[in-house]
Each structure stands twice: as structure tokens, then as C-alpha cells.
Amino acid sequence: MAYTSTVEEKERLRAMILAHREGELTKRSERNGAIAAALRELPEFRAARHVLLYISHRGEVDTEWIFGEYLGDKKLYLPKVEGEQLHIYEVADREACIPGQFGLHEPDDSCLKLEDPKVFDLVIVPGVAFDRTGHRIGYGGGFYDRFLKNISCTTIGLAYESQIIEAVPTSSYDVPVQHLITEHHHILCPT
């Protein structure tokens, strides 16, 4: 019964925060700029050579600038949902991304599939909502949680302050991020 209430609570919070986030278009550019500046200064990001990220959509914090500034200096990777798993592809050209499952931009067939996910120095993890312990509500598929439990590197959530909530309902399979960066704060999450 606790599982059902956790799932239902996550669904309720997900719907509420997505509606709010998509309605916040006015100050998004300056908020994205502040988050990008904070990420650029993070020592773990500066040192990282292999970075898994996502292409933002549905009002998420902008990640497009990372391609413009770092493609070539860092190896950048994108996820692609295949069945029940998240598979990772190296992206050498931003134009090699096409709309895929769930409306997400995913690597096309020209991208090299990564066989060893332990190569990452850093993973930027998407989320609808986060709490200050690093727990997150994703989009409900559990893809990132299944992926993150098998790697050991720095994990970062990028979020607007409005996406930070008091407590995310958690289950045993949830994997928190280590850092949260918002337009006002860098939160080092307890591990």
C-alpha cells in the first residue's frame, strides 16, 4: 500500500510542477543564464572530460549551450530509451539528434553507442522536481534510476528554484543526485 501512495504522490507532484514550470516563461532566459554560470564554475564540471547530459524540453533548464561551448573540448553523450533501458551514445555533432520516443531529442544512427557507461566523469540528470537531499521526480519511467545505480561519478540536477520541494516521496530504487544547481543556489546533497 505504501508503494501505491508513493507512486500516486509522485504523479500528483509531477503534474503540479510541470504545469507551473511550463507557465514560467517570462524570466527563463536570465534563470538559465544564472544556472549555466554556476555549472561552468563547478570544479567537477570544469574537470570532467566525459559528460552525459540531456537535451532540454518541456520547460526544463536549458542545456543546449553545453553543446555550443563544450562540444570538442569534452566528449558529450546523450541517452536514448530502448525498451526499458537507457542506452548512451557519443554525440560528435548536435545536428545528429532527432526527435525520438516521448518527444525527446535522441542521438540518430550516426552516433556511436557507448558500451561502457563507467567512462563518465559527470552526469547531468533531468527532473521535474528535486528536494535538498538530491531525490528527484523524473517523468515516471525509472530509466535514470536504473542507469544511475550502475555508475559511480558526479551527478548533477539542474532546476529552477520553483522545482525544489520539501521532500520527494522515495522508494528503495530511487537514486539521488549529488549536486543541485538552481538560479540562486548550489546545493551539495548529502550522500
C-alpha atoms as a PDB file:
ATOM      1  CA  MET A   1       0.000   0.000   0.000  1.00  0.00           C
ATOM      2  CA  ALA A   2       2.889   2.386   0.738  1.00  0.00           C
ATOM      3  CA  TYR A   3       4.149   1.816  -2.825  1.00  0.00           C
ATOM      4  CA  THR A   4       0.832   2.920  -4.302  1.00  0.00           C
ATOM      5  CA  SER A   5       0.714   6.064  -2.178  1.00  0.00           C
ATOM      6  CA  THR A   6       4.315   6.945  -3.125  1.00  0.00           C
ATOM      7  CA  VAL A   7       3.549   6.484  -6.816  1.00  0.00           C
ATOM      8  CA  GLU A   8       0.329   8.487  -6.543  1.00  0.00           C
ATOM      9  CA  GLU A   9       2.081  11.281  -4.633  1.00  0.00           C
ATOM     10  CA  LYS A  10       4.836  11.441  -7.254  1.00  0.00           C
ATOM     11  CA  GLU A  11       2.216  11.625 -10.018  1.00  0.00           C
ATOM     12  CA  ARG A  12       0.400  14.455  -8.214  1.00  0.00           C
ATOM     13  CA  LEU A  13       3.621  16.419  -7.653  1.00  0.00           C
ATOM     14  CA  ARG A  14       4.810  15.784 -11.214  1.00  0.00           C
ATOM     15  CA  ALA A  15       1.594  17.186 -12.717  1.00  0.00           C
ATOM     16  CA  MET A  16       1.602  20.228 -10.421  1.00  0.00           C
ATOM     17  CA  ILE A  17       5.246  21.176 -11.037  1.00  0.00           C
ATOM     18  CA  LEU A  18       5.129  20.592 -14.795  1.00  0.00           C
ATOM     19  CA  ALA A  19       2.123  22.900 -15.079  1.00  0.00           C
ATOM     20  CA  HIS A  20       3.880  25.565 -13.001  1.00  0.00           C
ATOM     21  CA  ARG A  21       7.224  25.212 -14.811  1.00  0.00           C
ATOM     22  CA  GLU A  22       5.672  25.482 -18.250  1.00  0.00           C
ATOM     23  CA  GLY A  23       3.842  28.611 -17.148  1.00  0.00           C
ATOM     24  CA  GLU A  24       7.060  30.387 -16.045  1.00  0.00           C
ATOM     25  CA  LEU A  25       8.306  31.509 -19.443  1.00  0.00           C
ATOM     26  CA  THR A  26       8.909  35.162 -18.560  1.00  0.00           C
ATOM     27  CA  LYS A  27      12.174  35.041 -16.632  1.00  0.00           C
ATOM     28  CA  ARG A  28      13.507  31.790 -18.074  1.00  0.00           C
ATOM     29  CA  SER A  29      16.408  33.323 -20.014  1.00  0.00           C
ATOM     30  CA  GLU A  30      18.001  35.040 -17.014  1.00  0.00           C
ATOM     31  CA  ARG A  31      17.382  31.996 -14.812  1.00  0.00           C
ATOM     32  CA  ASN A  32      19.017  29.734 -17.398  1.00  0.00           C
ATOM     33  CA  GLY A  33      21.961  32.136 -17.572  1.00  0.00           C
ATOM     34  CA  ALA A  34      22.475  32.034 -13.795  1.00  0.00           C
ATOM     35  CA  ILE A  35      22.291  28.227 -13.738  1.00  0.00           C
ATOM     36  CA  ALA A  36      24.722  27.950 -16.667  1.00  0.00           C
ATOM     37  CA  ALA A  37      27.186  30.305 -14.948  1.00  0.00           C
ATOM     38  CA  ALA A  38      27.060  28.253 -11.737  1.00  0.00           C
ATOM     39  CA  LEU A  39      27.577  24.983 -13.632  1.00  0.00           C
ATOM     40  CA  ARG A  40      30.535  26.416 -15.566  1.00  0.00           C
ATOM     41  CA  GLU A  41      32.224  27.307 -12.261  1.00  0.00           C
ATOM     42  CA  LEU A  42      31.651  23.935 -10.600  1.00  0.00           C
ATOM     43  CA  PRO A  43      35.089  22.238 -10.293  1.00  0.00           C
ATOM     44  CA  GLU A  44      33.611  18.819 -11.104  1.00  0.00           C
ATOM     45  CA  PHE A  45      32.139  20.146 -14.347  1.00  0.00           C
ATOM     46  CA  ARG A  46      35.317  22.013 -15.302  1.00  0.00           C
ATOM     47  CA  ALA A  47      37.416  18.872 -14.773  1.00  0.00           C
ATOM     48  CA  ALA A  48      35.001  16.471 -16.492  1.00  0.00           C
ATOM     49  CA  ARG A  49      36.057  15.099 -19.871  1.00  0.00           C
ATOM     50  CA  HIS A  50      33.120  12.685 -20.430  1.00  0.00           C
ATOM     51  CA  VAL A  51      29.702  14.252 -19.750  1.00  0.00           C
ATOM     52  CA  LEU A  52      26.305  12.625 -20.117  1.00  0.00           C
ATOM     53  CA  LEU A  53      23.552  15.196 -20.466  1.00  0.00           C
ATOM     54  CA  TYR A  54      20.101  15.542 -21.947  1.00  0.00           C
ATOM     55  CA  ILE A  55      18.607  17.984 -24.417  1.00  0.00           C
ATOM     56  CA  SER A  56      16.091  20.058 -22.512  1.00  0.00           C
ATOM     57  CA  HIS A  57      12.427  20.068 -23.408  1.00  0.00           C
ATOM     58  CA  ARG A  58       9.043  20.866 -21.816  1.00  0.00           C
ATOM     59  CA  GLY A  59      10.364  23.874 -19.898  1.00  0.00           C
ATOM     60  CA  GLU A  60      13.462  22.179 -18.449  1.00  0.00           C
ATOM     61  CA  VAL A  61      16.580  24.183 -17.636  1.00  0.00           C
ATOM     62  CA  ASP A  62      18.379  24.878 -20.911  1.00  0.00           C
ATOM     63  CA  THR A  63      21.259  22.516 -21.758  1.00  0.00           C
ATOM     64  CA  GLU A  64      21.756  23.476 -25.432  1.00  0.00           C
ATOM     65  CA  TRP A  65      24.560  25.914 -24.555  1.00  0.00           C
ATOM     66  CA  ILE A  66      26.719  22.987 -23.372  1.00  0.00           C
ATOM     67  CA  PHE A  67      26.938  21.736 -26.966  1.00  0.00           C
ATOM     68  CA  GLY A  68      27.875  25.163 -28.257  1.00  0.00           C
ATOM     69  CA  GLU A  69      30.568  25.770 -25.669  1.00  0.00           C
ATOM     70  CA  TYR A  70      31.994  22.315 -24.986  1.00  0.00           C
ATOM     71  CA  LEU A  71      31.455  20.015 -27.963  1.00  0.00           C
ATOM     72  CA  GLY A  72      35.006  19.158 -28.955  1.00  0.00           C
ATOM     73  CA  ASP A  73      36.578  20.086 -25.605  1.00  0.00           C
ATOM     74  CA  LYS A  74      34.596  17.434 -23.735  1.00  0.00           C
ATOM     75  CA  LYS A  75      33.106  14.197 -25.009  1.00  0.00           C
ATOM     76  CA  LEU A  76      29.354  14.675 -24.799  1.00  0.00           C
ATOM     77  CA  TYR A  77      26.851  11.845 -24.602  1.00  0.00           C
ATOM     78  CA  LEU A  78      23.086  11.639 -24.838  1.00  0.00           C
ATOM     79  CA  PRO A  79      20.663   8.966 -23.661  1.00  0.00           C
ATOM     80  CA  LYS A  80      18.242   7.045 -25.815  1.00  0.00           C
ATOM     81  CA  VAL A  81      15.450   4.942 -24.390  1.00  0.00           C
ATOM     82  CA  GLU A  82      15.488   1.472 -25.927  1.00  0.00           C
ATOM     83  CA  GLY A  83      12.951  -0.887 -24.424  1.00  0.00           C
ATOM     84  CA  GLU A  84      13.185  -0.498 -20.645  1.00  0.00           C
ATOM     85  CA  GLN A  85      16.791   0.707 -20.608  1.00  0.00           C
ATOM     86  CA  LEU A  86      18.674   3.914 -21.146  1.00  0.00           C
ATOM     87  CA  HIS A  87      21.418   3.443 -23.738  1.00  0.00           C
ATOM     88  CA  ILE A  88      24.097   6.053 -24.192  1.00  0.00           C
ATOM     89  CA  TYR A  89      25.557   7.453 -27.403  1.00  0.00           C
ATOM     90  CA  GLU A  90      28.503   9.737 -28.025  1.00  0.00           C
ATOM     91  CA  VAL A  91      27.412  12.833 -29.919  1.00  0.00           C
ATOM     92  CA  ALA A  92      30.034  14.495 -32.101  1.00  0.00           C
ATOM     93  CA  ASP A  93      27.539  16.807 -33.828  1.00  0.00           C
ATOM     94  CA  ARG A  94      24.464  18.423 -32.272  1.00  0.00           C
ATOM     95  CA  GLU A  95      22.685  18.030 -35.610  1.00  0.00           C
ATOM     96  CA  ALA A  96      22.846  14.241 -35.107  1.00  0.00           C
ATOM     97  CA  CYS A  97      19.936  14.483 -32.653  1.00  0.00           C
ATOM     98  CA  ILE A  98      16.399  13.837 -33.791  1.00  0.00           C
ATOM     99  CA  PRO A  99      13.014  13.743 -32.055  1.00  0.00           C
ATOM    100  CA  GLY A 100      12.520  10.284 -30.609  1.00  0.00           C
ATOM    101  CA  GLN A 101      10.473   8.419 -28.026  1.00  0.00           C
ATOM    102  CA  PHE A 102       8.472  10.646 -25.627  1.00  0.00           C
ATOM    103  CA  GLY A 103       9.274  13.678 -27.849  1.00  0.00           C
ATOM    104  CA  LEU A 104      12.860  13.783 -26.542  1.00  0.00           C
ATOM    105  CA  HIS A 105      15.767  14.621 -28.820  1.00  0.00           C
ATOM    106  CA  GLU A 106      17.857  11.493 -29.116  1.00  0.00           C
ATOM    107  CA  PRO A 107      21.025  10.515 -30.980  1.00  0.00           C
ATOM    108  CA  ASP A 108      20.468   9.295 -34.523  1.00  0.00           C
ATOM    109  CA  ASP A 109      22.054   6.237 -36.149  1.00  0.00           C
ATOM    110  CA  SER A 110      25.281   8.114 -36.943  1.00  0.00           C
ATOM    111  CA  CYS A 111      26.169   8.321 -33.227  1.00  0.00           C
ATOM    112  CA  LEU A 112      28.434   5.758 -31.592  1.00  0.00           C
ATOM    113  CA  LYS A 113      26.752   3.612 -28.925  1.00  0.00           C
ATOM    114  CA  LEU A 114      28.727   3.533 -25.696  1.00  0.00           C
ATOM    115  CA  GLU A 115      29.338   0.051 -24.346  1.00  0.00           C
ATOM    116  CA  ASP A 116      30.932   1.017 -21.001  1.00  0.00           C
ATOM    117  CA  PRO A 117      28.963   3.610 -19.022  1.00  0.00           C
ATOM    118  CA  LYS A 118      31.708   3.716 -16.391  1.00  0.00           C
ATOM    119  CA  VAL A 119      33.615   6.177 -18.609  1.00  0.00           C
ATOM    120  CA  PHE A 120      31.606   9.163 -17.324  1.00  0.00           C
ATOM    121  CA  ASP A 121      33.093  11.820 -15.096  1.00  0.00           C
ATOM    122  CA  LEU A 122      29.757  13.597 -14.747  1.00  0.00           C
ATOM    123  CA  VAL A 123      26.063  13.036 -15.459  1.00  0.00           C
ATOM    124  CA  ILE A 124      23.535  15.869 -15.711  1.00  0.00           C
ATOM    125  CA  VAL A 125      20.240  14.306 -14.661  1.00  0.00           C
ATOM    126  CA  PRO A 126      16.823  15.655 -15.710  1.00  0.00           C
ATOM    127  CA  GLY A 127      13.979  16.014 -13.252  1.00  0.00           C
ATOM    128  CA  VAL A 128      10.562  17.502 -12.771  1.00  0.00           C
ATOM    129  CA  ALA A 129      11.216  18.187  -9.079  1.00  0.00           C
ATOM    130  CA  PHE A 130      14.045  17.764  -6.584  1.00  0.00           C
ATOM    131  CA  ASP A 131      14.450  18.013  -2.840  1.00  0.00           C
ATOM    132  CA  ARG A 132      17.540  19.191  -0.971  1.00  0.00           C
ATOM    133  CA  THR A 133      18.686  15.605  -0.375  1.00  0.00           C
ATOM    134  CA  GLY A 134      19.037  15.117  -4.136  1.00  0.00           C
ATOM    135  CA  HIS A 135      15.988  12.917  -4.614  1.00  0.00           C
ATOM    136  CA  ARG A 136      14.052  13.656  -7.745  1.00  0.00           C
ATOM    137  CA  ILE A 137      10.814  13.071  -9.524  1.00  0.00           C
ATOM    138  CA  GLY A 138      11.509  12.227 -13.138  1.00  0.00           C
ATOM    139  CA  TYR A 139       8.972  11.578 -15.835  1.00  0.00           C
ATOM    140  CA  GLY A 140       7.847   8.292 -14.341  1.00  0.00           C
ATOM    141  CA  GLY A 141       9.736   5.624 -16.290  1.00  0.00           C
ATOM    142  CA  GLY A 142      12.562   4.962 -13.818  1.00  0.00           C
ATOM    143  CA  PHE A 143      15.097   4.967 -16.686  1.00  0.00           C
ATOM    144  CA  TYR A 144      17.647   7.191 -14.947  1.00  0.00           C
ATOM    145  CA  ASP A 145      17.339   5.422 -11.589  1.00  0.00           C
ATOM    146  CA  ARG A 146      18.098   2.078 -13.249  1.00  0.00           C
ATOM    147  CA  PHE A 147      21.023   3.632 -15.085  1.00  0.00           C
ATOM    148  CA  LEU A 148      22.495   5.601 -12.157  1.00  0.00           C
ATOM    149  CA  LYS A 149      22.602   2.644  -9.791  1.00  0.00           C
ATOM    150  CA  ASN A 150      25.276   1.086 -12.020  1.00  0.00           C
ATOM    151  CA  ILE A 151      27.698   4.003 -12.326  1.00  0.00           C
ATOM    152  CA  SER A 152      29.957   5.935  -9.988  1.00  0.00           C
ATOM    153  CA  CYS A 153      30.586   9.554 -10.956  1.00  0.00           C
ATOM    154  CA  THR A 154      29.433  13.073 -10.120  1.00  0.00           C
ATOM    155  CA  THR A 155      25.701  13.571 -10.675  1.00  0.00           C
ATOM    156  CA  ILE A 156      24.061  16.973 -11.024  1.00  0.00           C
ATOM    157  CA  GLY A 157      20.458  18.090 -11.249  1.00  0.00           C
ATOM    158  CA  LEU A 158      19.717  21.438 -12.905  1.00  0.00           C
ATOM    159  CA  ALA A 159      16.490  23.018 -11.696  1.00  0.00           C
ATOM    160  CA  TYR A 160      14.647  26.266 -11.217  1.00  0.00           C
ATOM    161  CA  GLU A 161      14.010  27.231  -7.595  1.00  0.00           C
ATOM    162  CA  SER A 162      10.312  26.542  -8.186  1.00  0.00           C
ATOM    163  CA  GLN A 163      11.189  22.874  -8.790  1.00  0.00           C
ATOM    164  CA  ILE A 164      12.726  22.422  -5.331  1.00  0.00           C
ATOM    165  CA  ILE A 165      10.194  20.904  -2.955  1.00  0.00           C
ATOM    166  CA  GLU A 166      10.303  19.996   0.721  1.00  0.00           C
ATOM    167  CA  ALA A 167      10.513  16.229   0.255  1.00  0.00           C
ATOM    168  CA  VAL A 168      10.268  13.911  -2.724  1.00  0.00           C
ATOM    169  CA  PRO A 169       8.443  10.673  -1.936  1.00  0.00           C
ATOM    170  CA  THR A 170      11.076   7.971  -2.320  1.00  0.00           C
ATOM    171  CA  SER A 171      11.268   4.261  -2.942  1.00  0.00           C
ATOM    172  CA  SER A 172      14.159   1.861  -2.495  1.00  0.00           C
ATOM    173  CA  TYR A 173      15.096   2.088  -6.201  1.00  0.00           C
ATOM    174  CA  ASP A 174      15.414   5.906  -6.284  1.00  0.00           C
ATOM    175  CA  VAL A 175      18.956   7.251  -6.801  1.00  0.00           C
ATOM    176  CA  PRO A 176      19.569  10.836  -5.635  1.00  0.00           C
ATOM    177  CA  VAL A 177      21.877  13.318  -7.367  1.00  0.00           C
ATOM    178  CA  GLN A 178      24.922  14.686  -5.539  1.00  0.00           C
ATOM    179  CA  HIS A 179      24.556  18.334  -6.583  1.00  0.00           C
ATOM    180  CA  LEU A 180      21.634  20.597  -7.379  1.00  0.00           C
ATOM    181  CA  ILE A 181      22.144  23.868  -9.193  1.00  0.00           C
ATOM    182  CA  THR A 182      19.381  26.455  -9.328  1.00  0.00           C
ATOM    183  CA  GLU A 183      19.378  30.098 -10.355  1.00  0.00           C
ATOM    184  CA  HIS A 184      20.113  31.030  -6.714  1.00  0.00           C
ATOM    185  CA  HIS A 185      21.881  28.081  -5.083  1.00  0.00           C
ATOM    186  CA  HIS A 186      24.374  25.294  -5.448  1.00  0.00           C
ATOM    187  CA  ILE A 187      23.181  22.565  -3.094  1.00  0.00           C
ATOM    188  CA  LEU A 188      25.628  19.837  -2.149  1.00  0.00           C
ATOM    189  CA  CYS A 189      23.327  16.936  -1.364  1.00  0.00           C
ATOM    190  CA  PRO A 190      24.067  14.504   1.451  1.00  0.00           C
ATOM    191  CA  THR A 191      25.214  11.101   0.223  1.00  0.00           C
END
